[in-house]
PDB file of N, CA and C in Angstrom:
ATOM      1  N   MET A   1      46.505  -2.795  21.200  1.00  0.00           N
ATOM      2  CA  MET A   1      45.843  -3.852  21.940  1.00  0.00           C
ATOM      3  C   MET A   1      46.795  -4.333  23.033  1.00  0.00           C
ATOM      4  N   ARG A   2      46.249  -4.556  24.212  1.00  0.00           N
ATOM      5  CA  ARG A   2      47.043  -4.988  25.346  1.00  0.00           C
ATOM      6  C   ARG A   2      46.625  -6.416  25.737  1.00  0.00           C
ATOM      7  N   ILE A   3      47.594  -7.284  25.908  1.00  0.00           N
ATOM      8  CA  ILE A   3      47.336  -8.670  26.313  1.00  0.00           C
ATOM      9  C   ILE A   3      47.634  -8.786  27.800  1.00  0.00           C
ATOM     10  N   VAL A   4      46.698  -9.340  28.533  1.00  0.00           N
ATOM     11  CA  VAL A   4      46.853  -9.499  29.974  1.00  0.00           C
ATOM     12  C   VAL A   4      47.098 -10.969  30.276  1.00  0.00           C
ATOM     13  N   CYS A   5      48.146 -11.241  30.993  1.00  0.00           N
ATOM     14  CA  CYS A   5      48.478 -12.613  31.372  1.00  0.00           C
ATOM     15  C   CYS A   5      48.257 -12.773  32.869  1.00  0.00           C
ATOM     16  N   GLN A   6      47.561 -13.819  33.239  1.00  0.00           N
ATOM     17  CA  GLN A   6      47.315 -14.110  34.648  1.00  0.00           C
ATOM     18  C   GLN A   6      47.876 -15.491  34.971  1.00  0.00           C
ATOM     19  N   PRO A   7      49.185 -15.581  35.247  1.00  0.00           N
ATOM     20  CA  PRO A   7      49.791 -16.894  35.450  1.00  0.00           C
ATOM     21  C   PRO A   7      49.292 -17.627  36.693  1.00  0.00           C
ATOM     22  N   PHE A   8      48.753 -16.902  37.654  1.00  0.00           N
ATOM     23  CA  PHE A   8      48.299 -17.546  38.879  1.00  0.00           C
ATOM     24  C   PHE A   8      46.785 -17.437  39.032  1.00  0.00           C
ATOM     25  N   ALA A   9      46.093 -17.493  37.914  1.00  0.00           N
ATOM     26  CA  ALA A   9      44.631 -17.398  37.945  1.00  0.00           C
ATOM     27  C   ALA A   9      44.048 -18.601  38.684  1.00  0.00           C
ATOM     28  N   GLN A  10      42.991 -18.355  39.388  1.00  0.00           N
ATOM     29  CA  GLN A  10      42.312 -19.422  40.120  1.00  0.00           C
ATOM     30  C   GLN A  10      41.594 -20.361  39.156  1.00  0.00           C
ATOM     31  N   PRO A  11      41.577 -21.666  39.440  1.00  0.00           N
ATOM     32  CA  PRO A  11      40.824 -22.584  38.583  1.00  0.00           C
ATOM     33  C   PRO A  11      39.333 -22.271  38.630  1.00  0.00           C
ATOM     34  N   VAL A  12      38.668 -22.602  37.572  1.00  0.00           N
ATOM     35  CA  VAL A  12      37.231 -22.337  37.483  1.00  0.00           C
ATOM     36  C   VAL A  12      36.487 -23.280  38.418  1.00  0.00           C
ATOM     37  N   GLN A  13      35.616 -22.708  39.245  1.00  0.00           N
ATOM     38  CA  GLN A  13      34.781 -23.519  40.124  1.00  0.00           C
ATOM     39  C   GLN A  13      33.442 -23.729  39.427  1.00  0.00           C
ATOM     40  N   ARG A  14      33.160 -24.964  39.079  1.00  0.00           N
ATOM     41  CA  ARG A  14      31.914 -25.260  38.380  1.00  0.00           C
ATOM     42  C   ARG A  14      30.879 -25.756  39.380  1.00  0.00           C
ATOM     43  N   PRO A  15      29.607 -25.491  39.093  1.00  0.00           N
ATOM     44  CA  PRO A  15      28.541 -25.986  39.975  1.00  0.00           C
ATOM     45  C   PRO A  15      28.541 -27.515  40.027  1.00  0.00           C
ATOM     46  N   ALA A  16      28.074 -28.029  41.143  1.00  0.00           N
ATOM     47  CA  ALA A  16      28.019 -29.484  41.331  1.00  0.00           C
ATOM     48  C   ALA A  16      27.189 -30.151  40.236  1.00  0.00           C
ATOM     49  N   ALA A  17      26.139 -29.490  39.773  1.00  0.00           N
ATOM     50  CA  ALA A  17      25.302 -30.082  38.725  1.00  0.00           C
ATOM     51  C   ALA A  17      26.094 -30.293  37.437  1.00  0.00           C
ATOM     52  N   HIS A  18      27.003 -29.387  37.122  1.00  0.00           N
ATOM     53  CA  HIS A  18      27.834 -29.535  35.926  1.00  0.00           C
ATOM     54  C   HIS A  18      28.789 -30.704  36.085  1.00  0.00           C
ATOM     55  N   ARG A  19      29.389 -30.819  37.279  1.00  0.00           N
ATOM     56  CA  ARG A  19      30.301 -31.932  37.534  1.00  0.00           C
ATOM     57  C   ARG A  19      29.559 -33.260  37.451  1.00  0.00           C
ATOM     58  N   TYR A  20      28.371 -33.308  38.019  1.00  0.00           N
ATOM     59  CA  TYR A  20      27.569 -34.533  38.006  1.00  0.00           C
ATOM     60  C   TYR A  20      27.201 -34.919  36.577  1.00  0.00           C
ATOM     61  N   LEU A  21      26.776 -33.958  35.779  1.00  0.00           N
ATOM     62  CA  LEU A  21      26.386 -34.242  34.398  1.00  0.00           C
ATOM     63  C   LEU A  21      27.573 -34.753  33.595  1.00  0.00           C
ATOM     64  N   ALA A  22      28.729 -34.133  33.748  1.00  0.00           N
ATOM     65  CA  ALA A  22      29.916 -34.582  33.022  1.00  0.00           C
ATOM     66  C   ALA A  22      30.308 -36.004  33.434  1.00  0.00           C
ATOM     67  N   ALA A  23      30.213 -36.303  34.721  1.00  0.00           N
ATOM     68  CA  ALA A  23      30.515 -37.661  35.189  1.00  0.00           C
ATOM     69  C   ALA A  23      29.524 -38.672  34.632  1.00  0.00           C
ATOM     70  N   ARG A  24      28.257 -38.293  34.532  1.00  0.00           N
ATOM     71  CA  ARG A  24      27.235 -39.194  33.978  1.00  0.00           C
ATOM     72  C   ARG A  24      27.451 -39.442  32.485  1.00  0.00           C
ATOM     73  N   VAL A  25      27.926 -38.427  31.761  1.00  0.00           N
ATOM     74  CA  VAL A  25      28.234 -38.608  30.335  1.00  0.00           C
ATOM     75  C   VAL A  25      29.346 -39.649  30.178  1.00  0.00           C
ATOM     76  N   ILE A  26      30.378 -39.542  30.998  1.00  0.00           N
ATOM     77  CA  ILE A  26      31.482 -40.499  30.950  1.00  0.00           C
ATOM     78  C   ILE A  26      30.997 -41.882  31.337  1.00  0.00           C
ATOM     79  N   ASP A  27      30.188 -41.963  32.379  1.00  0.00           N
ATOM     80  CA  ASP A  27      29.638 -43.240  32.821  1.00  0.00           C
ATOM     81  C   ASP A  27      28.802 -43.886  31.715  1.00  0.00           C
ATOM     82  N   GLN A  28      27.980 -43.104  31.038  1.00  0.00           N
ATOM     83  CA  GLN A  28      27.151 -43.649  29.960  1.00  0.00           C
ATOM     84  C   GLN A  28      28.017 -44.138  28.798  1.00  0.00           C
ATOM     85  N   ALA A  29      29.111 -43.463  28.535  1.00  0.00           N
ATOM     86  CA  ALA A  29      30.018 -43.914  27.479  1.00  0.00           C
ATOM     87  C   ALA A  29      30.602 -45.283  27.827  1.00  0.00           C
ATOM     88  N   PHE A  30      30.967 -45.488  29.093  1.00  0.00           N
ATOM     89  CA  PHE A  30      31.452 -46.797  29.512  1.00  0.00           C
ATOM     90  C   PHE A  30      30.374 -47.860  29.322  1.00  0.00           C
ATOM     91  N   ARG A  31      29.151 -47.539  29.681  1.00  0.00           N
ATOM     92  CA  ARG A  31      28.056 -48.496  29.523  1.00  0.00           C
ATOM     93  C   ARG A  31      27.817 -48.827  28.053  1.00  0.00           C
ATOM     94  N   ASP A  32      27.812 -47.806  27.202  1.00  0.00           N
ATOM     95  CA  ASP A  32      27.586 -48.027  25.769  1.00  0.00           C
ATOM     96  C   ASP A  32      28.714 -48.839  25.142  1.00  0.00           C
ATOM     97  N   ALA A  33      29.948 -48.569  25.562  1.00  0.00           N
ATOM     98  CA  ALA A  33      31.099 -49.285  25.003  1.00  0.00           C
ATOM     99  C   ALA A  33      31.068 -50.764  25.359  1.00  0.00           C
ATOM    100  N   ARG A  34      30.523 -51.100  26.531  1.00  0.00           N
ATOM    101  CA  ARG A  34      30.510 -52.494  26.986  1.00  0.00           C
ATOM    102  C   ARG A  34      29.236 -53.243  26.659  1.00  0.00           C
ATOM    103  N   ASN A  35      28.210 -52.569  26.152  1.00  0.00           N
ATOM    104  CA  ASN A  35      26.916 -53.205  25.926  1.00  0.00           C
ATOM    105  C   ASN A  35      26.892 -53.966  24.600  1.00  0.00           C
ATOM    106  N   PRO A  36      26.916 -55.310  24.637  1.00  0.00           N
ATOM    107  CA  PRO A  36      26.901 -56.085  23.388  1.00  0.00           C
ATOM    108  C   PRO A  36      25.539 -56.060  22.702  1.00  0.00           C
ATOM    109  N   ASN A  37      24.501 -55.703  23.416  1.00  0.00           N
ATOM    110  CA  ASN A  37      23.146 -55.691  22.850  1.00  0.00           C
ATOM    111  C   ASN A  37      22.719 -54.316  22.366  1.00  0.00           C
ATOM    112  N   GLY A  38      23.555 -53.312  22.551  1.00  0.00           N
ATOM    113  CA  GLY A  38      23.218 -51.954  22.135  1.00  0.00           C
ATOM    114  C   GLY A  38      23.438 -51.765  20.644  1.00  0.00           C
ATOM    115  N   ALA A  39      23.035 -50.614  20.177  1.00  0.00           N
ATOM    116  CA  ALA A  39      23.231 -50.278  18.769  1.00  0.00           C
ATOM    117  C   ALA A  39      24.729 -50.170  18.479  1.00  0.00           C
ATOM    118  N   PRO A  40      25.189 -50.728  17.361  1.00  0.00           N
ATOM    119  CA  PRO A  40      26.623 -50.666  17.037  1.00  0.00           C
ATOM    120  C   PRO A  40      27.159 -49.232  16.978  1.00  0.00           C
ATOM    121  N   ILE A  41      26.347 -48.311  16.505  1.00  0.00           N
ATOM    122  CA  ILE A  41      26.802 -46.920  16.411  1.00  0.00           C
ATOM    123  C   ILE A  41      27.042 -46.326  17.799  1.00  0.00           C
ATOM    124  N   ASP A  42      26.247 -46.749  18.801  1.00  0.00           N
ATOM    125  CA  ASP A  42      26.454 -46.259  20.167  1.00  0.00           C
ATOM    126  C   ASP A  42      27.792 -46.739  20.714  1.00  0.00           C
ATOM    127  N   GLY A  43      28.095 -48.021  20.495  1.00  0.00           N
ATOM    128  CA  GLY A  43      29.356 -48.576  20.967  1.00  0.00           C
ATOM    129  C   GLY A  43      30.555 -47.928  20.292  1.00  0.00           C
ATOM    130  N   ALA A  44      30.458 -47.728  18.985  1.00  0.00           N
ATOM    131  CA  ALA A  44      31.562 -47.107  18.245  1.00  0.00           C
ATOM    132  C   ALA A  44      31.763 -45.658  18.696  1.00  0.00           C
ATOM    133  N   SER A  45      30.665 -44.950  18.883  1.00  0.00           N
ATOM    134  CA  SER A  45      30.744 -43.565  19.338  1.00  0.00           C
ATOM    135  C   SER A  45      31.346 -43.498  20.740  1.00  0.00           C
ATOM    136  N   ALA A  46      30.942 -44.408  21.611  1.00  0.00           N
ATOM    137  CA  ALA A  46      31.462 -44.426  22.979  1.00  0.00           C
ATOM    138  C   ALA A  46      32.953 -44.739  22.984  1.00  0.00           C
ATOM    139  N   ARG A  47      33.385 -45.707  22.168  1.00  0.00           N
ATOM    140  CA  ARG A  47      34.806 -46.035  22.104  1.00  0.00           C
ATOM    141  C   ARG A  47      35.620 -44.859  21.574  1.00  0.00           C
ATOM    142  N   ALA A  48      35.083 -44.152  20.586  1.00  0.00           N
ATOM    143  CA  ALA A  48      35.788 -42.970  20.066  1.00  0.00           C
ATOM    144  C   ALA A  48      35.889 -41.891  21.147  1.00  0.00           C
ATOM    145  N   PHE A  49      34.807 -41.691  21.887  1.00  0.00           N
ATOM    146  CA  PHE A  49      34.786 -40.713  22.974  1.00  0.00           C
ATOM    147  C   PHE A  49      35.814 -41.074  24.037  1.00  0.00           C
ATOM    148  N   LEU A  50      35.840 -42.362  24.439  1.00  0.00           N
ATOM    149  CA  LEU A  50      36.714 -42.817  25.514  1.00  0.00           C
ATOM    150  C   LEU A  50      38.167 -42.972  25.086  1.00  0.00           C
ATOM    151  N   SER A  51      38.454 -42.836  23.807  1.00  0.00           N
ATOM    152  CA  SER A  51      39.818 -43.020  23.324  1.00  0.00           C
ATOM    153  C   SER A  51      40.686 -41.777  23.508  1.00  0.00           C
ATOM    154  N   GLY A  52      40.152 -40.757  24.106  1.00  0.00           N
ATOM    155  CA  GLY A  52      40.944 -39.567  24.367  1.00  0.00           C
ATOM    156  C   GLY A  52      40.520 -38.378  23.533  1.00  0.00           C
ATOM    157  N   SER A  53      39.250 -38.318  23.198  1.00  0.00           N
ATOM    158  CA  SER A  53      38.736 -37.213  22.399  1.00  0.00           C
ATOM    159  C   SER A  53      38.814 -35.899  23.187  1.00  0.00           C
ATOM    160  N   LEU A  54      38.711 -34.804  22.467  1.00  0.00           N
ATOM    161  CA  LEU A  54      38.701 -33.503  23.136  1.00  0.00           C
ATOM    162  C   LEU A  54      37.504 -33.377  24.073  1.00  0.00           C
ATOM    163  N   MET A  55      36.379 -33.974  23.677  1.00  0.00           N
ATOM    164  CA  MET A  55      35.197 -33.907  24.521  1.00  0.00           C
ATOM    165  C   MET A  55      35.408 -34.691  25.822  1.00  0.00           C
ATOM    166  N   LEU A  56      36.115 -35.820  25.745  1.00  0.00           N
ATOM    167  CA  LEU A  56      36.430 -36.561  26.968  1.00  0.00           C
ATOM    168  C   LEU A  56      37.338 -35.717  27.856  1.00  0.00           C
ATOM    169  N   SER A  57      38.314 -35.060  27.260  1.00  0.00           N
ATOM    170  CA  SER A  57      39.211 -34.204  28.024  1.00  0.00           C
ATOM    171  C   SER A  57      38.422 -33.119  28.752  1.00  0.00           C
ATOM    172  N   TYR A  58      37.508 -32.477  28.045  1.00  0.00           N
ATOM    173  CA  TYR A  58      36.693 -31.431  28.655  1.00  0.00           C
ATOM    174  C   TYR A  58      35.776 -32.013  29.733  1.00  0.00           C
ATOM    175  N   SER A  59      35.155 -33.153  29.443  1.00  0.00           N
ATOM    176  CA  SER A  59      34.256 -33.779  30.421  1.00  0.00           C
ATOM    177  C   SER A  59      35.000 -34.153  31.691  1.00  0.00           C
ATOM    178  N   CYS A  60      36.221 -34.673  31.538  1.00  0.00           N
ATOM    179  CA  CYS A  60      37.022 -35.023  32.718  1.00  0.00           C
ATOM    180  C   CYS A  60      37.401 -33.776  33.511  1.00  0.00           C
ATOM    181  N   GLU A  61      37.707 -32.712  32.804  1.00  0.00           N
ATOM    182  CA  GLU A  61      38.045 -31.466  33.492  1.00  0.00           C
ATOM    183  C   GLU A  61      36.862 -30.961  34.308  1.00  0.00           C
ATOM    184  N   VAL A  62      35.670 -30.967  33.709  1.00  0.00           N
ATOM    185  CA  VAL A  62      34.474 -30.495  34.400  1.00  0.00           C
ATOM    186  C   VAL A  62      34.133 -31.417  35.566  1.00  0.00           C
ATOM    187  N   ALA A  63      34.235 -32.738  35.347  1.00  0.00           N
ATOM    188  CA  ALA A  63      33.880 -33.714  36.379  1.00  0.00           C
ATOM    189  C   ALA A  63      34.975 -33.870  37.436  1.00  0.00           C
ATOM    190  N   GLU A  64      36.111 -33.197  37.226  1.00  0.00           N
ATOM    191  CA  GLU A  64      37.251 -33.298  38.137  1.00  0.00           C
ATOM    192  C   GLU A  64      37.767 -34.722  38.234  1.00  0.00           C
ATOM    193  N   LEU A  65      37.893 -35.370  37.065  1.00  0.00           N
ATOM    194  CA  LEU A  65      38.442 -36.723  36.969  1.00  0.00           C
ATOM    195  C   LEU A  65      39.793 -36.652  36.271  1.00  0.00           C
ATOM    196  N   ASP A  66      40.660 -37.591  36.590  1.00  0.00           N
ATOM    197  CA  ASP A  66      41.958 -37.674  35.946  1.00  0.00           C
ATOM    198  C   ASP A  66      41.775 -38.303  34.569  1.00  0.00           C
ATOM    199  N   LEU A  67      42.094 -37.571  33.515  1.00  0.00           N
ATOM    200  CA  LEU A  67      41.885 -38.031  32.140  1.00  0.00           C
ATOM    201  C   LEU A  67      42.634 -39.317  31.848  1.00  0.00           C
ATOM    202  N   ASN A  68      43.912 -39.395  32.232  1.00  0.00           N
ATOM    203  CA  ASN A  68      44.686 -40.612  31.959  1.00  0.00           C
ATOM    204  C   ASN A  68      44.102 -41.813  32.673  1.00  0.00           C
ATOM    205  N   CYS A  69      43.620 -41.605  33.865  1.00  0.00           N
ATOM    206  CA  CYS A  69      43.020 -42.703  34.625  1.00  0.00           C
ATOM    207  C   CYS A  69      41.773 -43.219  33.912  1.00  0.00           C
ATOM    208  N   VAL A  70      40.963 -42.331  33.386  1.00  0.00           N
ATOM    209  CA  VAL A  70      39.747 -42.718  32.667  1.00  0.00           C
ATOM    210  C   VAL A  70      40.115 -43.494  31.402  1.00  0.00           C
ATOM    211  N   ILE A  71      41.128 -43.024  30.686  1.00  0.00           N
ATOM    212  CA  ILE A  71      41.540 -43.705  29.453  1.00  0.00           C
ATOM    213  C   ILE A  71      42.101 -45.084  29.747  1.00  0.00           C
ATOM    214  N   VAL A  72      42.905 -45.202  30.798  1.00  0.00           N
ATOM    215  CA  VAL A  72      43.449 -46.511  31.174  1.00  0.00           C
ATOM    216  C   VAL A  72      42.320 -47.466  31.554  1.00  0.00           C
ATOM    217  N   ARG A  73      41.349 -46.960  32.291  1.00  0.00           N
ATOM    218  CA  ARG A  73      40.198 -47.798  32.678  1.00  0.00           C
ATOM    219  C   ARG A  73      39.418 -48.229  31.435  1.00  0.00           C
ATOM    220  N   ALA A  74      39.255 -47.332  30.482  1.00  0.00           N
ATOM    221  CA  ALA A  74      38.548 -47.669  29.245  1.00  0.00           C
ATOM    222  C   ALA A  74      39.311 -48.741  28.470  1.00  0.00           C
ATOM    223  N   ARG A  75      40.619 -48.597  28.381  1.00  0.00           N
ATOM    224  CA  ARG A  75      41.429 -49.608  27.684  1.00  0.00           C
ATOM    225  C   ARG A  75      41.271 -50.975  28.340  1.00  0.00           C
ATOM    226  N   THR A  76      41.310 -50.985  29.656  1.00  0.00           N
ATOM    227  CA  THR A  76      41.192 -52.247  30.392  1.00  0.00           C
ATOM    228  C   THR A  76      39.848 -52.910  30.115  1.00  0.00           C
ATOM    229  N   LEU A  77      38.778 -52.144  30.200  1.00  0.00           N
ATOM    230  CA  LEU A  77      37.451 -52.712  29.981  1.00  0.00           C
ATOM    231  C   LEU A  77      37.242 -53.144  28.537  1.00  0.00           C
ATOM    232  N   MET A  78      37.754 -52.367  27.590  1.00  0.00           N
ATOM    233  CA  MET A  78      37.591 -52.740  26.183  1.00  0.00           C
ATOM    234  C   MET A  78      38.444 -53.943  25.820  1.00  0.00           C
ATOM    235  N   ALA A  79      39.615 -54.069  26.430  1.00  0.00           N
ATOM    236  CA  ALA A  79      40.443 -55.249  26.201  1.00  0.00           C
ATOM    237  C   ALA A  79      39.749 -56.494  26.748  1.00  0.00           C
ATOM    238  N   ALA A  80      39.129 -56.370  27.916  1.00  0.00           N
ATOM    239  CA  ALA A  80      38.396 -57.493  28.498  1.00  0.00           C
ATOM    240  C   ALA A  80      37.214 -57.877  27.613  1.00  0.00           C
ATOM    241  N   ALA A  81      36.529 -56.877  27.046  1.00  0.00           N
ATOM    242  CA  ALA A  81      35.403 -57.151  26.155  1.00  0.00           C
ATOM    243  C   ALA A  81      35.878 -57.842  24.887  1.00  0.00           C
ATOM    244  N   THR A  82      37.046 -57.460  24.385  1.00  0.00           N
ATOM    245  CA  THR A  82      37.598 -58.089  23.188  1.00  0.00           C
ATOM    246  C   THR A  82      37.935 -59.549  23.476  1.00  0.00           C
ATOM    247  N   LEU A  83      38.530 -59.818  24.633  1.00  0.00           N
ATOM    248  CA  LEU A  83      38.853 -61.193  25.004  1.00  0.00           C
ATOM    249  C   LEU A  83      37.599 -62.038  25.192  1.00  0.00           C
ATOM    250  N   ALA A  84      36.506 -61.386  25.608  1.00  0.00           N
ATOM    251  CA  ALA A  84      35.259 -62.103  25.833  1.00  0.00           C
ATOM    252  C   ALA A  84      34.499 -62.336  24.523  1.00  0.00           C
ATOM    253  N   GLY A  85      35.010 -61.820  23.407  1.00  0.00           N
ATOM    254  CA  GLY A  85      34.383 -62.085  22.122  1.00  0.00           C
ATOM    255  C   GLY A  85      33.587 -60.931  21.551  1.00  0.00           C
ATOM    256  N   ALA A  86      33.635 -59.784  22.178  1.00  0.00           N
ATOM    257  CA  ALA A  86      32.915 -58.627  21.647  1.00  0.00           C
ATOM    258  C   ALA A  86      33.695 -58.063  20.461  1.00  0.00           C
ATOM    259  N   ALA A  87      33.084 -57.125  19.750  1.00  0.00           N
ATOM    260  CA  ALA A  87      33.741 -56.492  18.616  1.00  0.00           C
ATOM    261  C   ALA A  87      34.982 -55.745  19.075  1.00  0.00           C
ATOM    262  N   ALA A  88      35.998 -55.741  18.259  1.00  0.00           N
ATOM    263  CA  ALA A  88      37.248 -55.073  18.601  1.00  0.00           C
ATOM    264  C   ALA A  88      37.048 -53.565  18.672  1.00  0.00           C
ATOM    265  N   PRO A  89      37.496 -52.947  19.749  1.00  0.00           N
ATOM    266  CA  PRO A  89      37.340 -51.500  19.868  1.00  0.00           C
ATOM    267  C   PRO A  89      38.327 -50.758  18.981  1.00  0.00           C
ATOM    268  N   ALA A  90      38.035 -49.513  18.740  1.00  0.00           N
ATOM    269  CA  ALA A  90      38.951 -48.663  17.989  1.00  0.00           C
ATOM    270  C   ALA A  90      40.213 -48.457  18.818  1.00  0.00           C
ATOM    271  N   PRO A  91      41.365 -48.271  18.186  1.00  0.00           N
ATOM    272  CA  PRO A  91      42.597 -48.053  18.949  1.00  0.00           C
ATOM    273  C   PRO A  91      42.504 -46.785  19.783  1.00  0.00           C
ATOM    274  N   LEU A  92      43.125 -46.830  20.944  1.00  0.00           N
ATOM    275  CA  LEU A  92      43.083 -45.699  21.867  1.00  0.00           C
ATOM    276  C   LEU A  92      44.351 -44.872  21.762  1.00  0.00           C
ATOM    277  N   LYS A  93      44.207 -43.577  21.887  1.00  0.00           N
ATOM    278  CA  LYS A  93      45.332 -42.658  21.836  1.00  0.00           C
ATOM    279  C   LYS A  93      45.684 -42.220  23.251  1.00  0.00           C
ATOM    280  N   SER A  94      46.948 -41.905  23.460  1.00  0.00           N
ATOM    281  CA  SER A  94      47.330 -41.362  24.760  1.00  0.00           C
ATOM    282  C   SER A  94      47.121 -39.853  24.748  1.00  0.00           C
ATOM    283  N   THR A  95      46.893 -39.277  25.931  1.00  0.00           N
ATOM    284  CA  THR A  95      46.690 -37.834  26.031  1.00  0.00           C
ATOM    285  C   THR A  95      47.439 -37.302  27.239  1.00  0.00           C
ATOM    286  N   GLU A  96      47.512 -35.999  27.344  1.00  0.00           N
ATOM    287  CA  GLU A  96      48.198 -35.376  28.469  1.00  0.00           C
ATOM    288  C   GLU A  96      47.385 -35.532  29.745  1.00  0.00           C
ATOM    289  N   THR A  97      48.091 -35.510  30.860  1.00  0.00           N
ATOM    290  CA  THR A  97      47.444 -35.652  32.164  1.00  0.00           C
ATOM    291  C   THR A  97      46.782 -34.359  32.586  1.00  0.00           C
ATOM    292  N   LEU A  98      45.559 -34.478  33.085  1.00  0.00           N
ATOM    293  CA  LEU A  98      44.896 -33.329  33.696  1.00  0.00           C
ATOM    294  C   LEU A  98      45.023 -33.475  35.200  1.00  0.00           C
ATOM    295  N   ASN A  99      45.278 -32.371  35.863  1.00  0.00           N
ATOM    296  CA  ASN A  99      45.393 -32.394  37.307  1.00  0.00           C
ATOM    297  C   ASN A  99      43.984 -32.359  37.884  1.00  0.00           C
ATOM    298  N   ALA A 100      43.478 -33.540  38.258  1.00  0.00           N
ATOM    299  CA  ALA A 100      42.116 -33.625  38.760  1.00  0.00           C
ATOM    300  C   ALA A 100      42.062 -34.611  39.917  1.00  0.00           C
ATOM    301  N   GLN A 101      40.937 -34.650  40.581  1.00  0.00           N
ATOM    302  CA  GLN A 101      40.762 -35.540  41.718  1.00  0.00           C
ATOM    303  C   GLN A 101      40.526 -36.969  41.252  1.00  0.00           C
ATOM    304  N   LYS A 102      40.870 -37.926  42.112  1.00  0.00           N
ATOM    305  CA  LYS A 102      40.596 -39.324  41.805  1.00  0.00           C
ATOM    306  C   LYS A 102      39.105 -39.570  41.987  1.00  0.00           C
ATOM    307  N   ALA A 103      38.596 -40.581  41.282  1.00  0.00           N
ATOM    308  CA  ALA A 103      37.167 -40.873  41.356  1.00  0.00           C
ATOM    309  C   ALA A 103      36.945 -42.370  41.282  1.00  0.00           C
ATOM    310  N   ASP A 104      35.710 -42.786  41.504  1.00  0.00           N
ATOM    311  CA  ASP A 104      35.369 -44.202  41.485  1.00  0.00           C
ATOM    312  C   ASP A 104      35.705 -44.863  40.163  1.00  0.00           C
ATOM    313  N   ILE A 105      35.651 -44.116  39.090  1.00  0.00           N
ATOM    314  CA  ILE A 105      35.915 -44.698  37.784  1.00  0.00           C
ATOM    315  C   ILE A 105      37.361 -45.182  37.702  1.00  0.00           C
ATOM    316  N   CYS A 106      38.254 -44.560  38.468  1.00  0.00           N
ATOM    317  CA  CYS A 106      39.652 -44.958  38.493  1.00  0.00           C
ATOM    318  C   CYS A 106      39.927 -46.032  39.536  1.00  0.00           C
ATOM    319  N   HIS A 107      39.083 -46.114  40.500  1.00  0.00           N
ATOM    320  CA  HIS A 107      39.230 -47.109  41.556  1.00  0.00           C
ATOM    321  C   HIS A 107      37.905 -47.848  41.686  1.00  0.00           C
ATOM    322  N   PRO A 108      37.616 -48.742  40.740  1.00  0.00           N
ATOM    323  CA  PRO A 108      36.311 -49.391  40.761  1.00  0.00           C
ATOM    324  C   PRO A 108      36.130 -50.248  42.003  1.00  0.00           C
ATOM    325  N   ARG A 109      34.918 -50.279  42.429  1.00  0.00           N
ATOM    326  CA  ARG A 109      34.597 -51.142  43.569  1.00  0.00           C
ATOM    327  C   ARG A 109      34.563 -52.571  43.063  1.00  0.00           C
ATOM    328  N   SER A 110      34.954 -53.495  43.924  1.00  0.00           N
ATOM    329  CA  SER A 110      34.920 -54.896  43.495  1.00  0.00           C
ATOM    330  C   SER A 110      33.475 -55.323  43.331  1.00  0.00           C
ATOM    331  N   THR A 111      33.227 -56.098  42.293  1.00  0.00           N
ATOM    332  CA  THR A 111      31.882 -56.583  42.032  1.00  0.00           C
ATOM    333  C   THR A 111      31.867 -58.069  42.227  1.00  0.00           C
ATOM    334  N   PRO A 112      30.767 -58.627  42.692  1.00  0.00           N
ATOM    335  CA  PRO A 112      30.701 -60.065  42.900  1.00  0.00           C
ATOM    336  C   PRO A 112      30.813 -60.787  41.567  1.00  0.00           C
ATOM    337  N   ALA A 113      31.516 -61.884  41.578  1.00  0.00           N
ATOM    338  CA  ALA A 113      31.677 -62.690  40.369  1.00  0.00           C
ATOM    339  C   ALA A 113      30.339 -63.326  40.003  1.00  0.00           C
ATOM    340  N   THR A 114      30.083 -63.367  38.724  1.00  0.00           N
ATOM    341  CA  THR A 114      28.837 -64.005  38.261  1.00  0.00           C
ATOM    342  C   THR A 114      29.116 -65.462  37.956  1.00  0.00           C
ATOM    343  N   GLY A 115      28.221 -66.285  38.286  1.00  0.00           N
ATOM    344  CA  GLY A 115      28.354 -67.719  38.034  1.00  0.00           C
ATOM    345  C   GLY A 115      28.061 -68.049  36.594  1.00  0.00           C
ATOM    346  N   SER A 116      28.824 -69.013  36.055  1.00  0.00           N
ATOM    347  CA  SER A 116      28.600 -69.419  34.669  1.00  0.00           C
ATOM    348  C   SER A 116      27.919 -70.765  34.631  1.00  0.00           C
TER     349      SER A 116
END
């Protein structure tokens, strides 16, 4: 048996639809993690996903997002939710950096403050 090594192989070019779907999966996880009115199982599943799961790593790779940036953003939002009185999120794990493009999820647009 012969093993072939390609150290300078080109990165996989995925169709735009795949990148869009992976980004939407990540976006939905953020929404589920922050939704106090959603099903508890959805929030727990989203927090587990956003804590650095293998599926998040793969989704970030497909969506061309920086994995560490997504995890840091998730930690920030979940910490804010905890301070606001929501259920405590599961602890987050650190993961290796993926070389990917920056995205809106890492640089959120400013949102208008809501009046209390």
